[in-house]
């Protein structure tokens, strides 16, 4: 089972801790600027995902993985991310990092 972890620079970051094995990472660029960072991670067991707020007062939230969308295969997770880049009508791309 796979999940997508999202981080937005200057707003929040999602950390892959124990029980989440990062597989691939992508930067989402809109008009040439990095707007988000995505990590596709294999969910090895149910975990609490650590989300750290970076704007304003620092805060840490632990979100149970059961609330994250799940994908049966790596290809399904990639397809979900590909939808973000749209159909080429806007200047948005995913770049593997």
Protein backbone atom coordinates (compact mmCIF):
# COMPACT_ATOMS: atom_id res chain seq x y z
CA UNK A 1 0.00 0.00 0.00
CA UNK A 2 1.29 3.47 -0.89
CA UNK A 3 0.53 6.98 0.37
CA UNK A 4 1.54 10.43 -0.84
CA UNK A 5 3.14 12.79 1.67
CA UNK A 6 2.90 16.48 0.87
CA UNK A 7 5.06 19.38 2.00
CA UNK A 8 4.61 23.05 1.07
CA UNK A 9 7.74 25.18 1.63
CA UNK A 10 7.18 27.89 4.22
CA UNK A 11 3.81 26.39 5.27
CA UNK A 12 4.24 22.82 6.48
CA UNK A 13 6.27 19.67 5.99
CA UNK A 14 5.24 16.05 6.29
CA UNK A 15 7.88 13.70 7.66
CA UNK A 16 8.19 10.03 6.75
CA UNK A 17 8.89 8.31 10.03
CA UNK A 18 9.12 4.70 11.10
CA UNK A 19 6.65 2.51 9.21
CA UNK A 20 6.79 4.69 6.08
CA UNK A 21 9.41 3.84 3.49
CA UNK A 22 10.00 6.67 0.96
CA UNK A 23 10.10 5.32 -2.59
CA UNK A 24 10.07 8.37 -4.90
CA UNK A 25 10.05 12.15 -4.52
CA UNK A 26 8.80 14.93 -6.79
CA UNK A 27 8.77 18.70 -6.80
CA UNK A 28 5.64 20.38 -8.11
CA UNK A 29 6.58 23.46 -10.13
CA UNK A 30 4.04 26.08 -11.12
CA UNK A 31 5.25 28.82 -13.45
CA UNK A 32 8.80 27.69 -12.71
CA UNK A 33 8.48 28.03 -8.92
CA UNK A 34 8.49 25.11 -6.51
CA UNK A 35 5.10 25.07 -4.82
CA UNK A 36 5.10 21.63 -3.20
CA UNK A 37 7.21 18.56 -2.57
CA UNK A 38 5.64 15.10 -2.74
CA UNK A 39 6.99 11.81 -1.47
CA UNK A 40 5.41 8.52 -2.44
CA UNK A 41 5.95 6.20 0.51
CA UNK A 42 5.21 2.56 1.10
CA UNK A 43 3.01 2.12 4.15
CA UNK A 44 4.55 -0.80 6.03
CA UNK A 45 2.03 -0.63 8.90
CA UNK A 46 -0.43 1.80 10.43
CA UNK A 47 1.47 4.82 11.77
CA UNK A 48 0.97 8.40 12.87
CA UNK A 49 2.33 10.80 10.28
CA UNK A 50 4.16 13.83 11.66
CA UNK A 51 3.16 17.17 10.11
CA UNK A 52 5.20 20.18 11.20
CA UNK A 53 3.78 23.67 10.69
CA UNK A 54 6.40 26.10 9.42
CA UNK A 55 4.37 29.30 9.26
CA UNK A 56 3.46 31.21 12.39
CA UNK A 57 3.87 29.49 15.72
CA UNK A 58 5.60 26.11 15.35
CA UNK A 59 3.24 23.19 15.87
CA UNK A 60 3.45 19.46 15.35
CA UNK A 61 0.44 17.33 14.46
CA UNK A 62 0.35 13.54 14.44
CA UNK A 63 -2.18 12.29 11.91
CA UNK A 64 -3.15 8.60 11.81
CA UNK A 65 -2.27 7.08 8.44
CA UNK A 66 -5.81 5.72 8.15
CA UNK A 67 -6.88 9.23 7.12
CA UNK A 68 -4.48 9.37 4.14
CA UNK A 69 -5.60 8.32 0.66
CA UNK A 70 -4.05 4.97 -0.19
CA UNK A 71 -2.98 3.48 -3.46
CA UNK A 72 -2.67 -0.25 -4.13
CA UNK A 73 0.34 0.14 -6.43
CA UNK A 74 3.16 2.57 -7.05
CA UNK A 75 1.71 3.19 -10.53
CA UNK A 76 -1.63 4.30 -9.02
CA UNK A 77 0.17 6.76 -6.76
CA UNK A 78 2.15 8.12 -9.73
CA UNK A 79 -1.06 8.50 -11.74
CA UNK A 80 -2.60 10.53 -8.90
CA UNK A 81 0.39 12.87 -8.87
CA UNK A 82 0.35 13.16 -12.67
CA UNK A 83 -3.17 14.58 -12.47
CA UNK A 84 -1.74 17.54 -10.57
CA UNK A 85 0.31 18.58 -13.57
CA UNK A 86 -2.88 18.77 -15.58
CA UNK A 87 -3.20 18.39 -19.31
CA UNK A 88 -0.57 20.95 -20.26
CA UNK A 89 -3.04 23.86 -20.29
CA UNK A 90 -1.22 25.49 -17.38
CA UNK A 91 2.48 25.88 -16.65
CA UNK A 92 2.68 23.11 -14.04
CA UNK A 93 5.06 20.16 -13.97
CA UNK A 94 6.26 17.39 -11.71
CA UNK A 95 10.01 16.92 -11.52
CA UNK A 96 11.51 13.77 -10.04
CA UNK A 97 14.13 14.52 -7.38
